[in-house]
PDB file of N, CA and C in Angstrom:
ATOM      1  N   UNK A   1     -17.673 -29.596 -17.143  1.00  0.00           N
ATOM      2  CA  UNK A   1     -18.382 -28.418 -16.801  1.00  0.00           C
ATOM      3  C   UNK A   1     -17.423 -27.297 -16.285  1.00  0.00           C
ATOM      4  N   UNK A   2     -17.622 -26.014 -16.975  1.00  0.00           N
ATOM      5  CA  UNK A   2     -16.760 -24.939 -16.500  1.00  0.00           C
ATOM      6  C   UNK A   2     -16.941 -24.589 -14.978  1.00  0.00           C
ATOM      7  N   UNK A   3     -15.893 -24.089 -14.350  1.00  0.00           N
ATOM      8  CA  UNK A   3     -15.821 -23.627 -13.140  1.00  0.00           C
ATOM      9  C   UNK A   3     -16.794 -22.348 -13.018  1.00  0.00           C
ATOM     10  N   UNK A   4     -17.387 -22.107 -11.882  1.00  0.00           N
ATOM     11  CA  UNK A   4     -18.224 -20.822 -11.840  1.00  0.00           C
ATOM     12  C   UNK A   4     -17.472 -19.528 -12.004  1.00  0.00           C
ATOM     13  N   UNK A   5     -16.083 -19.529 -11.579  1.00  0.00           N
ATOM     14  CA  UNK A   5     -15.372 -18.321 -12.008  1.00  0.00           C
ATOM     15  C   UNK A   5     -15.072 -18.066 -13.482  1.00  0.00           C
ATOM     16  N   UNK A   6     -14.774 -19.267 -14.151  1.00  0.00           N
ATOM     17  CA  UNK A   6     -14.635 -19.385 -15.656  1.00  0.00           C
ATOM     18  C   UNK A   6     -16.049 -18.971 -16.169  1.00  0.00           C
ATOM     19  N   UNK A   7     -17.043 -19.367 -15.776  1.00  0.00           N
ATOM     20  CA  UNK A   7     -18.402 -19.244 -16.274  1.00  0.00           C
ATOM     21  C   UNK A   7     -18.621 -17.741 -16.152  1.00  0.00           C
ATOM     22  N   UNK A   8     -18.218 -17.116 -15.208  1.00  0.00           N
ATOM     23  CA  UNK A   8     -18.508 -15.761 -14.898  1.00  0.00           C
ATOM     24  C   UNK A   8     -17.612 -14.809 -15.401  1.00  0.00           C
ATOM     25  N   UNK A   9     -16.487 -15.144 -15.969  1.00  0.00           N
ATOM     26  CA  UNK A   9     -15.294 -14.227 -16.218  1.00  0.00           C
ATOM     27  C   UNK A   9     -15.665 -13.024 -17.037  1.00  0.00           C
ATOM     28  N   UNK A  10     -16.450 -13.143 -18.024  1.00  0.00           N
ATOM     29  CA  UNK A  10     -17.062 -11.972 -18.897  1.00  0.00           C
ATOM     30  C   UNK A  10     -17.765 -11.036 -17.846  1.00  0.00           C
ATOM     31  N   UNK A  11     -18.638 -11.681 -17.013  1.00  0.00           N
ATOM     32  CA  UNK A  11     -19.465 -10.724 -16.044  1.00  0.00           C
ATOM     33  C   UNK A  11     -18.352 -10.018 -15.092  1.00  0.00           C
ATOM     34  N   UNK A  12     -17.403 -10.678 -14.597  1.00  0.00           N
ATOM     35  CA  UNK A  12     -16.306 -10.193 -13.762  1.00  0.00           C
ATOM     36  C   UNK A  12     -15.629  -8.890 -14.643  1.00  0.00           C
ATOM     37  N   UNK A  13     -15.180  -9.141 -15.749  1.00  0.00           N
ATOM     38  CA  UNK A  13     -14.586  -8.090 -16.493  1.00  0.00           C
ATOM     39  C   UNK A  13     -15.436  -6.872 -16.689  1.00  0.00           C
ATOM     40  N   UNK A  14     -16.767  -7.096 -16.936  1.00  0.00           N
ATOM     41  CA  UNK A  14     -17.538  -5.830 -17.108  1.00  0.00           C
ATOM     42  C   UNK A  14     -17.910  -5.319 -15.814  1.00  0.00           C
ATOM     43  N   UNK A  15     -18.161  -6.100 -14.773  1.00  0.00           N
ATOM     44  CA  UNK A  15     -18.213  -5.524 -13.428  1.00  0.00           C
ATOM     45  C   UNK A  15     -17.026  -4.606 -12.940  1.00  0.00           C
ATOM     46  N   UNK A  16     -15.911  -5.084 -13.243  1.00  0.00           N
ATOM     47  CA  UNK A  16     -14.718  -4.281 -12.960  1.00  0.00           C
ATOM     48  C   UNK A  16     -14.796  -3.050 -13.620  1.00  0.00           C
ATOM     49  N   UNK A  17     -15.097  -3.083 -15.065  1.00  0.00           N
ATOM     50  CA  UNK A  17     -15.101  -1.903 -15.823  1.00  0.00           C
ATOM     51  C   UNK A  17     -16.314  -0.789 -15.409  1.00  0.00           C
ATOM     52  N   UNK A  18     -17.407  -1.407 -14.951  1.00  0.00           N
ATOM     53  CA  UNK A  18     -18.514  -0.469 -14.509  1.00  0.00           C
ATOM     54  C   UNK A  18     -18.262   0.168 -13.167  1.00  0.00           C
ATOM     55  N   UNK A  19     -17.647  -0.681 -12.317  1.00  0.00           N
ATOM     56  CA  UNK A  19     -17.304  -0.107 -10.981  1.00  0.00           C
ATOM     57  C   UNK A  19     -16.150   0.642 -10.950  1.00  0.00           C
ATOM     58  N   UNK A  20     -15.142   0.758 -11.945  1.00  0.00           N
ATOM     59  CA  UNK A  20     -14.014   1.683 -12.090  1.00  0.00           C
ATOM     60  C   UNK A  20     -14.620   2.909 -12.512  1.00  0.00           C
ATOM     61  N   UNK A  21     -15.628   2.906 -13.463  1.00  0.00           N
ATOM     62  CA  UNK A  21     -16.305   4.213 -13.775  1.00  0.00           C
ATOM     63  C   UNK A  21     -17.121   4.795 -12.576  1.00  0.00           C
ATOM     64  N   UNK A  22     -17.805   4.047 -11.750  1.00  0.00           N
ATOM     65  CA  UNK A  22     -18.319   4.552 -10.550  1.00  0.00           C
ATOM     66  C   UNK A  22     -17.429   5.183  -9.611  1.00  0.00           C
ATOM     67  N   UNK A  23     -16.200   4.451  -9.459  1.00  0.00           N
ATOM     68  CA  UNK A  23     -15.064   4.824  -8.450  1.00  0.00           C
ATOM     69  C   UNK A  23     -14.777   6.340  -8.804  1.00  0.00           C
ATOM     70  N   UNK A  24     -14.315   6.359 -10.260  1.00  0.00           N
ATOM     71  CA  UNK A  24     -13.752   7.509 -10.826  1.00  0.00           C
ATOM     72  C   UNK A  24     -14.833   8.698 -10.487  1.00  0.00           C
ATOM     73  N   UNK A  25     -16.010   8.515 -10.758  1.00  0.00           N
ATOM     74  CA  UNK A  25     -17.184   9.497 -10.666  1.00  0.00           C
ATOM     75  C   UNK A  25     -17.247   9.990  -9.177  1.00  0.00           C
ATOM     76  N   UNK A  26     -17.120   9.050  -8.217  1.00  0.00           N
ATOM     77  CA  UNK A  26     -17.317   9.242  -6.930  1.00  0.00           C
ATOM     78  C   UNK A  26     -16.204  10.067  -6.339  1.00  0.00           C
ATOM     79  N   UNK A  27     -14.943   9.729  -6.806  1.00  0.00           N
ATOM     80  CA  UNK A  27     -13.785  10.539  -6.296  1.00  0.00           C
ATOM     81  C   UNK A  27     -13.782  11.997  -6.489  1.00  0.00           C
ATOM     82  N   UNK A  28     -14.355  12.483  -7.686  1.00  0.00           N
ATOM     83  CA  UNK A  28     -14.589  13.643  -7.962  1.00  0.00           C
ATOM     84  C   UNK A  28     -15.774  14.427  -7.264  1.00  0.00           C
ATOM     85  N   UNK A  29     -16.811  13.623  -6.574  1.00  0.00           N
ATOM     86  CA  UNK A  29     -17.779  14.205  -6.158  1.00  0.00           C
ATOM     87  C   UNK A  29     -18.130  14.004  -4.530  1.00  0.00           C
ATOM     88  N   UNK A  30     -17.392  13.068  -3.919  1.00  0.00           N
ATOM     89  CA  UNK A  30     -17.578  12.678  -2.613  1.00  0.00           C
ATOM     90  C   UNK A  30     -16.259  12.989  -1.629  1.00  0.00           C
ATOM     91  N   UNK A  31     -16.378  13.911  -0.724  1.00  0.00           N
ATOM     92  CA  UNK A  31     -15.099  14.201   0.034  1.00  0.00           C
ATOM     93  C   UNK A  31     -14.825  13.028   0.741  1.00  0.00           C
ATOM     94  N   UNK A  32     -13.709  12.680   0.809  1.00  0.00           N
ATOM     95  CA  UNK A  32     -13.120  11.615   1.596  1.00  0.00           C
ATOM     96  C   UNK A  32     -13.062  10.156   1.157  1.00  0.00           C
ATOM     97  N   UNK A  33     -13.863  10.125  -0.107  1.00  0.00           N
ATOM     98  CA  UNK A  33     -13.919   8.804  -0.609  1.00  0.00           C
ATOM     99  C   UNK A  33     -12.700   8.510  -1.408  1.00  0.00           C
ATOM    100  N   UNK A  34     -12.169   7.320  -1.298  1.00  0.00           N
ATOM    101  CA  UNK A  34     -10.891   6.920  -1.754  1.00  0.00           C
ATOM    102  C   UNK A  34     -10.861   5.826  -2.986  1.00  0.00           C
ATOM    103  N   UNK A  35     -11.434   4.777  -2.620  1.00  0.00           N
ATOM    104  CA  UNK A  35     -11.590   3.629  -3.724  1.00  0.00           C
ATOM    105  C   UNK A  35     -12.609   2.853  -3.336  1.00  0.00           C
ATOM    106  N   UNK A  36     -13.026   1.815  -4.246  1.00  0.00           N
ATOM    107  CA  UNK A  36     -13.927   0.789  -3.791  1.00  0.00           C
ATOM    108  C   UNK A  36     -13.522  -0.614  -4.437  1.00  0.00           C
ATOM    109  N   UNK A  37     -14.058  -1.594  -3.758  1.00  0.00           N
ATOM    110  CA  UNK A  37     -13.582  -3.012  -4.168  1.00  0.00           C
ATOM    111  C   UNK A  37     -14.826  -3.647  -3.961  1.00  0.00           C
ATOM    112  N   UNK A  38     -14.613  -4.972  -4.664  1.00  0.00           N
ATOM    113  CA  UNK A  38     -15.841  -5.910  -4.671  1.00  0.00           C
ATOM    114  C   UNK A  38     -15.323  -7.304  -4.361  1.00  0.00           C
ATOM    115  N   UNK A  39     -16.215  -7.982  -3.719  1.00  0.00           N
ATOM    116  CA  UNK A  39     -16.014  -9.561  -3.671  1.00  0.00           C
ATOM    117  C   UNK A  39     -17.287 -10.345  -3.844  1.00  0.00           C
ATOM    118  N   UNK A  40     -17.013 -11.504  -4.388  1.00  0.00           N
ATOM    119  CA  UNK A  40     -18.169 -12.411  -4.739  1.00  0.00           C
ATOM    120  C   UNK A  40     -17.640 -13.999  -4.478  1.00  0.00           C
ATOM    121  N   UNK A  41     -18.696 -14.543  -4.153  1.00  0.00           N
ATOM    122  CA  UNK A  41     -18.464 -16.054  -4.290  1.00  0.00           C
ATOM    123  C   UNK A  41     -19.416 -16.571  -5.404  1.00  0.00           C
ATOM    124  N   UNK A  42     -18.877 -16.981  -6.823  1.00  0.00           N
ATOM    125  CA  UNK A  42     -19.614 -17.340  -7.658  1.00  0.00           C
ATOM    126  C   UNK A  42     -20.437 -18.451  -7.671  1.00  0.00           C
ATOM    127  N   UNK A  43     -20.319 -19.173  -6.595  1.00  0.00           N
ATOM    128  CA  UNK A  43     -21.200 -20.280  -6.360  1.00  0.00           C
ATOM    129  C   UNK A  43     -22.590 -19.840  -5.708  1.00  0.00           C
ATOM    130  N   UNK A  44     -22.578 -18.462  -5.308  1.00  0.00           N
ATOM    131  CA  UNK A  44     -23.782 -17.847  -4.792  1.00  0.00           C
ATOM    132  C   UNK A  44     -24.074 -16.557  -5.348  1.00  0.00           C
ATOM    133  N   UNK A  45     -23.850 -16.398  -6.591  1.00  0.00           N
ATOM    134  CA  UNK A  45     -24.034 -15.241  -7.490  1.00  0.00           C
ATOM    135  C   UNK A  45     -25.453 -15.009  -7.923  1.00  0.00           C
ATOM    136  N   UNK A  46     -25.965 -13.909  -7.673  1.00  0.00           N
ATOM    137  CA  UNK A  46     -25.448 -12.494  -7.283  1.00  0.00           C
ATOM    138  C   UNK A  46     -25.522 -12.399  -5.834  1.00  0.00           C
ATOM    139  N   UNK A  47     -26.228 -13.184  -5.055  1.00  0.00           N
ATOM    140  CA  UNK A  47     -26.580 -12.988  -3.757  1.00  0.00           C
ATOM    141  C   UNK A  47     -25.352 -12.543  -2.893  1.00  0.00           C
ATOM    142  N   UNK A  48     -24.029 -13.136  -3.260  1.00  0.00           N
ATOM    143  CA  UNK A  48     -22.924 -12.958  -2.569  1.00  0.00           C
ATOM    144  C   UNK A  48     -22.192 -11.699  -2.884  1.00  0.00           C
ATOM    145  N   UNK A  49     -22.526 -11.016  -3.913  1.00  0.00           N
ATOM    146  CA  UNK A  49     -21.841  -9.906  -4.358  1.00  0.00           C
ATOM    147  C   UNK A  49     -21.861  -8.605  -3.529  1.00  0.00           C
ATOM    148  N   UNK A  50     -20.760  -8.167  -3.124  1.00  0.00           N
ATOM    149  CA  UNK A  50     -20.673  -7.142  -2.279  1.00  0.00           C
ATOM    150  C   UNK A  50     -19.660  -6.024  -2.590  1.00  0.00           C
ATOM    151  N   UNK A  51     -20.060  -4.837  -2.743  1.00  0.00           N
ATOM    152  CA  UNK A  51     -19.125  -3.584  -3.158  1.00  0.00           C
ATOM    153  C   UNK A  51     -19.025  -2.864  -1.907  1.00  0.00           C
ATOM    154  N   UNK A  52     -17.658  -2.687  -1.659  1.00  0.00           N
ATOM    155  CA  UNK A  52     -17.324  -1.878  -0.370  1.00  0.00           C
ATOM    156  C   UNK A  52     -16.622  -0.523  -0.869  1.00  0.00           C
ATOM    157  N   UNK A  53     -17.113   0.553  -0.420  1.00  0.00           N
ATOM    158  CA  UNK A  53     -16.779   1.868  -0.612  1.00  0.00           C
ATOM    159  C   UNK A  53     -15.843   2.241   0.483  1.00  0.00           C
ATOM    160  N   UNK A  54     -14.562   2.739   0.088  1.00  0.00           N
ATOM    161  CA  UNK A  54     -13.518   2.937   1.246  1.00  0.00           C
ATOM    162  C   UNK A  54     -13.366   4.419   1.375  1.00  0.00           C
ATOM    163  N   UNK A  55     -13.237   4.906   2.617  1.00  0.00           N
ATOM    164  CA  UNK A  55     -12.997   6.410   2.984  1.00  0.00           C
ATOM    165  C   UNK A  55     -11.701   6.406   3.577  1.00  0.00           C
ATOM    166  N   UNK A  56     -11.174   7.766   3.634  1.00  0.00           N
ATOM    167  CA  UNK A  56      -9.872   8.054   4.285  1.00  0.00           C
ATOM    168  C   UNK A  56      -9.964   8.171   5.626  1.00  0.00           C
ATOM    169  N   UNK A  57     -11.086   8.364   6.333  1.00  0.00           N
ATOM    170  CA  UNK A  57     -11.231   8.368   7.642  1.00  0.00           C
ATOM    171  C   UNK A  57     -12.596   8.095   8.113  1.00  0.00           C
ATOM    172  N   UNK A  58     -12.821   7.772   9.382  1.00  0.00           N
ATOM    173  CA  UNK A  58     -14.229   7.631   9.995  1.00  0.00           C
ATOM    174  C   UNK A  58     -14.993   8.773   9.786  1.00  0.00           C
ATOM    175  N   UNK A  59     -14.456   9.902   9.895  1.00  0.00           N
ATOM    176  CA  UNK A  59     -15.261  11.210   9.888  1.00  0.00           C
ATOM    177  C   UNK A  59     -15.737  11.511   8.370  1.00  0.00           C
ATOM    178  N   UNK A  60     -14.967  11.119   7.419  1.00  0.00           N
ATOM    179  CA  UNK A  60     -15.477  11.151   6.115  1.00  0.00           C
ATOM    180  C   UNK A  60     -16.533  10.225   5.880  1.00  0.00           C
ATOM    181  N   UNK A  61     -16.403   8.975   6.415  1.00  0.00           N
ATOM    182  CA  UNK A  61     -17.166   7.988   6.057  1.00  0.00           C
ATOM    183  C   UNK A  61     -18.825   8.387   6.683  1.00  0.00           C
ATOM    184  N   UNK A  62     -18.686   8.822   7.948  1.00  0.00           N
ATOM    185  CA  UNK A  62     -19.847   9.343   8.748  1.00  0.00           C
ATOM    186  C   UNK A  62     -20.551  10.520   8.139  1.00  0.00           C
ATOM    187  N   UNK A  63     -19.609  11.277   7.566  1.00  0.00           N
ATOM    188  CA  UNK A  63     -20.295  12.590   6.860  1.00  0.00           C
ATOM    189  C   UNK A  63     -21.000  12.185   5.647  1.00  0.00           C
ATOM    190  N   UNK A  64     -20.458  11.246   4.797  1.00  0.00           N
ATOM    191  CA  UNK A  64     -20.813  10.698   3.607  1.00  0.00           C
ATOM    192  C   UNK A  64     -22.148  10.085   3.885  1.00  0.00           C
ATOM    193  N   UNK A  65     -22.375   9.202   4.862  1.00  0.00           N
ATOM    194  CA  UNK A  65     -23.405   8.342   5.163  1.00  0.00           C
ATOM    195  C   UNK A  65     -24.664   9.073   5.661  1.00  0.00           C
ATOM    196  N   UNK A  66     -24.251  10.393   6.230  1.00  0.00           N
ATOM    197  CA  UNK A  66     -25.399  11.074   6.881  1.00  0.00           C
ATOM    198  C   UNK A  66     -25.691  12.149   5.889  1.00  0.00           C
ATOM    199  N   UNK A  67     -25.411  12.070   4.675  1.00  0.00           N
ATOM    200  CA  UNK A  67     -25.610  13.131   3.600  1.00  0.00           C
ATOM    201  C   UNK A  67     -26.345  12.353   2.478  1.00  0.00           C
ATOM    202  N   UNK A  68     -26.487  13.232   1.257  1.00  0.00           N
ATOM    203  CA  UNK A  68     -26.957  12.688   0.119  1.00  0.00           C
ATOM    204  C   UNK A  68     -25.983  11.840  -0.723  1.00  0.00           C
ATOM    205  N   UNK A  69     -24.685  11.989  -0.251  1.00  0.00           N
ATOM    206  CA  UNK A  69     -23.764  11.158  -0.788  1.00  0.00           C
ATOM    207  C   UNK A  69     -24.044   9.620  -0.692  1.00  0.00           C
ATOM    208  N   UNK A  70     -24.674   9.194   0.487  1.00  0.00           N
ATOM    209  CA  UNK A  70     -24.908   7.706   0.389  1.00  0.00           C
ATOM    210  C   UNK A  70     -25.912   7.249  -0.629  1.00  0.00           C
ATOM    211  N   UNK A  71     -26.965   7.927  -0.848  1.00  0.00           N
ATOM    212  CA  UNK A  71     -27.817   7.781  -1.939  1.00  0.00           C
ATOM    213  C   UNK A  71     -27.001   7.754  -3.340  1.00  0.00           C
ATOM    214  N   UNK A  72     -26.263   8.595  -3.383  1.00  0.00           N
ATOM    215  CA  UNK A  72     -25.421   8.626  -4.735  1.00  0.00           C
ATOM    216  C   UNK A  72     -24.596   7.603  -4.931  1.00  0.00           C
ATOM    217  N   UNK A  73     -23.874   6.991  -3.844  1.00  0.00           N
ATOM    218  CA  UNK A  73     -23.089   5.669  -3.856  1.00  0.00           C
ATOM    219  C   UNK A  73     -23.875   4.421  -4.254  1.00  0.00           C
ATOM    220  N   UNK A  74     -25.062   4.446  -3.802  1.00  0.00           N
ATOM    221  CA  UNK A  74     -25.990   3.323  -3.944  1.00  0.00           C
ATOM    222  C   UNK A  74     -26.347   3.414  -5.355  1.00  0.00           C
ATOM    223  N   UNK A  75     -26.754   4.593  -5.806  1.00  0.00           N
ATOM    224  CA  UNK A  75     -27.108   4.724  -7.226  1.00  0.00           C
ATOM    225  C   UNK A  75     -25.978   4.310  -8.375  1.00  0.00           C
ATOM    226  N   UNK A  76     -24.840   4.914  -7.810  1.00  0.00           N
ATOM    227  CA  UNK A  76     -23.609   4.432  -8.713  1.00  0.00           C
ATOM    228  C   UNK A  76     -23.431   2.900  -8.744  1.00  0.00           C
ATOM    229  N   UNK A  77     -23.670   2.310  -7.710  1.00  0.00           N
ATOM    230  CA  UNK A  77     -23.533   0.900  -7.461  1.00  0.00           C
ATOM    231  C   UNK A  77     -24.543   0.234  -8.352  1.00  0.00           C
ATOM    232  N   UNK A  78     -25.827   0.686  -8.128  1.00  0.00           N
ATOM    233  CA  UNK A  78     -26.962   0.092  -8.809  1.00  0.00           C
ATOM    234  C   UNK A  78     -26.786   0.327 -10.436  1.00  0.00           C
ATOM    235  N   UNK A  79     -26.277   1.367 -10.819  1.00  0.00           N
ATOM    236  CA  UNK A  79     -26.079   1.743 -12.278  1.00  0.00           C
ATOM    237  C   UNK A  79     -25.011   0.625 -12.810  1.00  0.00           C
ATOM    238  N   UNK A  80     -23.929   0.521 -12.150  1.00  0.00           N
ATOM    239  CA  UNK A  80     -22.857  -0.524 -12.584  1.00  0.00           C
ATOM    240  C   UNK A  80     -23.486  -1.862 -12.601  1.00  0.00           C
ATOM    241  N   UNK A  81     -24.303  -2.321 -11.788  1.00  0.00           N
ATOM    242  CA  UNK A  81     -24.923  -3.649 -11.767  1.00  0.00           C
ATOM    243  C   UNK A  81     -26.011  -3.715 -12.938  1.00  0.00           C
ATOM    244  N   UNK A  82     -26.734  -2.736 -13.112  1.00  0.00           N
ATOM    245  CA  UNK A  82     -27.542  -2.684 -14.298  1.00  0.00           C
ATOM    246  C   UNK A  82     -26.982  -2.648 -15.493  1.00  0.00           C
ATOM    247  N   UNK A  83     -25.919  -2.033 -15.633  1.00  0.00           N
ATOM    248  CA  UNK A  83     -25.136  -2.163 -17.000  1.00  0.00           C
ATOM    249  C   UNK A  83     -24.548  -3.359 -17.338  1.00  0.00           C
ATOM    250  N   UNK A  84     -24.347  -4.253 -16.191  1.00  0.00           N
ATOM    251  CA  UNK A  84     -23.683  -5.456 -16.477  1.00  0.00           C
ATOM    252  C   UNK A  84     -24.869  -6.596 -16.547  1.00  0.00           C
ATOM    253  N   UNK A  85     -25.942  -6.105 -16.192  1.00  0.00           N
ATOM    254  CA  UNK A  85     -27.361  -6.998 -16.258  1.00  0.00           C
ATOM    255  C   UNK A  85     -27.435  -7.663 -14.800  1.00  0.00           C
ATOM    256  N   UNK A  86     -26.832  -7.366 -13.787  1.00  0.00           N
ATOM    257  CA  UNK A  86     -26.899  -7.982 -12.490  1.00  0.00           C
ATOM    258  C   UNK A  86     -28.133  -7.465 -11.933  1.00  0.00           C
ATOM    259  N   UNK A  87     -29.136  -8.441 -11.428  1.00  0.00           N
ATOM    260  CA  UNK A  87     -30.406  -7.953 -10.836  1.00  0.00           C
ATOM    261  C   UNK A  87     -30.317  -8.375  -9.367  1.00  0.00           C
ATOM    262  N   UNK A  88     -30.427  -7.509  -8.533  1.00  0.00           N
ATOM    263  CA  UNK A  88     -30.597  -7.718  -7.172  1.00  0.00           C
ATOM    264  C   UNK A  88     -31.719  -6.988  -6.657  1.00  0.00           C
ATOM    265  N   UNK A  89     -32.467  -7.550  -5.396  1.00  0.00           N
ATOM    266  CA  UNK A  89     -33.750  -7.014  -4.905  1.00  0.00           C
ATOM    267  C   UNK A  89     -33.523  -5.658  -4.139  1.00  0.00           C
ATOM    268  N   UNK A  90     -32.373  -5.616  -3.377  1.00  0.00           N
ATOM    269  CA  UNK A  90     -32.079  -4.363  -2.595  1.00  0.00           C
ATOM    270  C   UNK A  90     -30.560  -4.067  -2.611  1.00  0.00           C
ATOM    271  N   UNK A  91     -30.374  -3.097  -3.358  1.00  0.00           N
ATOM    272  CA  UNK A  91     -28.778  -2.650  -3.650  1.00  0.00           C
ATOM    273  C   UNK A  91     -28.067  -2.501  -2.351  1.00  0.00           C
ATOM    274  N   UNK A  92     -28.777  -1.857  -1.345  1.00  0.00           N
ATOM    275  CA  UNK A  92     -28.343  -1.573  -0.063  1.00  0.00           C
ATOM    276  C   UNK A  92     -27.654  -2.973   0.611  1.00  0.00           C
ATOM    277  N   UNK A  93     -28.272  -4.157   0.300  1.00  0.00           N
ATOM    278  CA  UNK A  93     -27.781  -5.386   0.873  1.00  0.00           C
ATOM    279  C   UNK A  93     -26.567  -5.678   0.312  1.00  0.00           C
ATOM    280  N   UNK A  94     -26.016  -5.064  -0.830  1.00  0.00           N
ATOM    281  CA  UNK A  94     -24.838  -5.511  -1.631  1.00  0.00           C
ATOM    282  C   UNK A  94     -23.763  -4.421  -1.522  1.00  0.00           C
ATOM    283  N   UNK A  95     -23.937  -3.417  -0.458  1.00  0.00           N
ATOM    284  CA  UNK A  95     -23.024  -2.377  -0.439  1.00  0.00           C
ATOM    285  C   UNK A  95     -22.565  -2.166   0.996  1.00  0.00           C
ATOM    286  N   UNK A  96     -21.329  -1.971   1.207  1.00  0.00           N
ATOM    287  CA  UNK A  96     -20.767  -1.674   2.529  1.00  0.00           C
ATOM    288  C   UNK A  96     -19.864  -0.403   2.541  1.00  0.00           C
ATOM    289  N   UNK A  97     -19.568   0.238   3.573  1.00  0.00           N
ATOM    290  CA  UNK A  97     -18.872   1.422   3.655  1.00  0.00           C
ATOM    291  C   UNK A  97     -17.690   1.174   4.699  1.00  0.00           C
ATOM    292  N   UNK A  98     -16.752   1.433   4.402  1.00  0.00           N
ATOM    293  CA  UNK A  98     -15.431   1.209   5.363  1.00  0.00           C
ATOM    294  C   UNK A  98     -14.332   2.308   5.244  1.00  0.00           C
ATOM    295  N   UNK A  99     -13.426   2.161   6.228  1.00  0.00           N
ATOM    296  CA  UNK A  99     -12.221   3.186   6.215  1.00  0.00           C
ATOM    297  C   UNK A  99     -11.087   2.392   5.870  1.00  0.00           C
ATOM    298  N   UNK A 100     -10.359   3.045   5.027  1.00  0.00           N
ATOM    299  CA  UNK A 100      -8.813   2.518   4.769  1.00  0.00           C
ATOM    300  C   UNK A 100      -7.978   2.256   5.965  1.00  0.00           C
ATOM    301  N   UNK A 101      -7.464   1.175   6.006  1.00  0.00           N
ATOM    302  CA  UNK A 101      -6.599   0.889   7.240  1.00  0.00           C
ATOM    303  C   UNK A 101      -5.017   0.985   6.687  1.00  0.00           C
ATOM    304  N   UNK A 102      -4.309   1.501   7.546  1.00  0.00           N
ATOM    305  CA  UNK A 102      -2.719   1.712   7.204  1.00  0.00           C
ATOM    306  C   UNK A 102      -2.227   0.430   6.398  1.00  0.00           C
ATOM    307  N   UNK A 103      -1.662   0.696   5.295  1.00  0.00           N
ATOM    308  CA  UNK A 103      -1.110  -0.567   4.426  1.00  0.00           C
ATOM    309  C   UNK A 103      -0.147  -1.461   5.285  1.00  0.00           C
ATOM    310  N   UNK A 104      -0.427  -2.673   5.340  1.00  0.00           N
ATOM    311  CA  UNK A 104       0.457  -3.681   5.950  1.00  0.00           C
ATOM    312  C   UNK A 104       1.090  -4.827   4.952  1.00  0.00           C
ATOM    313  N   UNK A 105       0.255  -4.704   3.759  1.00  0.00           N
ATOM    314  CA  UNK A 105       0.746  -5.665   2.874  1.00  0.00           C
ATOM    315  C   UNK A 105      -0.334  -5.293   1.541  1.00  0.00           C
ATOM    316  N   UNK A 106      -0.536  -6.352   1.022  1.00  0.00           N
ATOM    317  CA  UNK A 106      -1.340  -6.140  -0.280  1.00  0.00           C
ATOM    318  C   UNK A 106      -2.876  -5.824  -0.025  1.00  0.00           C
ATOM    319  N   UNK A 107      -3.411  -5.037  -0.711  1.00  0.00           N
ATOM    320  CA  UNK A 107      -4.767  -4.616  -0.868  1.00  0.00           C
ATOM    321  C   UNK A 107      -5.701  -5.675  -1.567  1.00  0.00           C
ATOM    322  N   UNK A 108      -6.816  -5.706  -1.348  1.00  0.00           N
ATOM    323  CA  UNK A 108      -7.836  -6.418  -2.211  1.00  0.00           C
ATOM    324  C   UNK A 108      -7.776  -5.758  -3.534  1.00  0.00           C
ATOM    325  N   UNK A 109      -8.763  -6.475  -4.380  1.00  0.00           N
ATOM    326  CA  UNK A 109      -8.914  -5.906  -5.739  1.00  0.00           C
ATOM    327  C   UNK A 109      -9.518  -4.491  -5.726  1.00  0.00           C
ATOM    328  N   UNK A 110      -8.930  -3.528  -5.865  1.00  0.00           N
ATOM    329  CA  UNK A 110      -9.603  -2.079  -5.661  1.00  0.00           C
ATOM    330  C   UNK A 110      -9.705  -1.629  -7.226  1.00  0.00           C
ATOM    331  N   UNK A 111     -10.657  -0.518  -7.186  1.00  0.00           N
ATOM    332  CA  UNK A 111     -10.997  -0.017  -8.544  1.00  0.00           C
ATOM    333  C   UNK A 111     -10.514   1.372  -8.675  1.00  0.00           C
TER     334      UNK A 111
END
């Protein structure tokens, strides 16, 4: 029996592609947004899938979350999931917003 990671490799590739498009769109629209990343435990897919939107500062993050930008980021994430065929009951439960920390080593899988 194939491992969950192998079973979902095509989904992972497509998810990276659609999230990369969402990221590039957001970079041109949302002040202070820098990049996004995702993580998932394929043993608990799609419940464990989480997309984290990264900002350059806490002020940028707070400004985005207090504006229509938050809805835009949720919509971009939902569109990426939809394009891949990932169904979740509440997109907000699969999205986080954070601030870049100074580089001390390798970063996670960014888009």
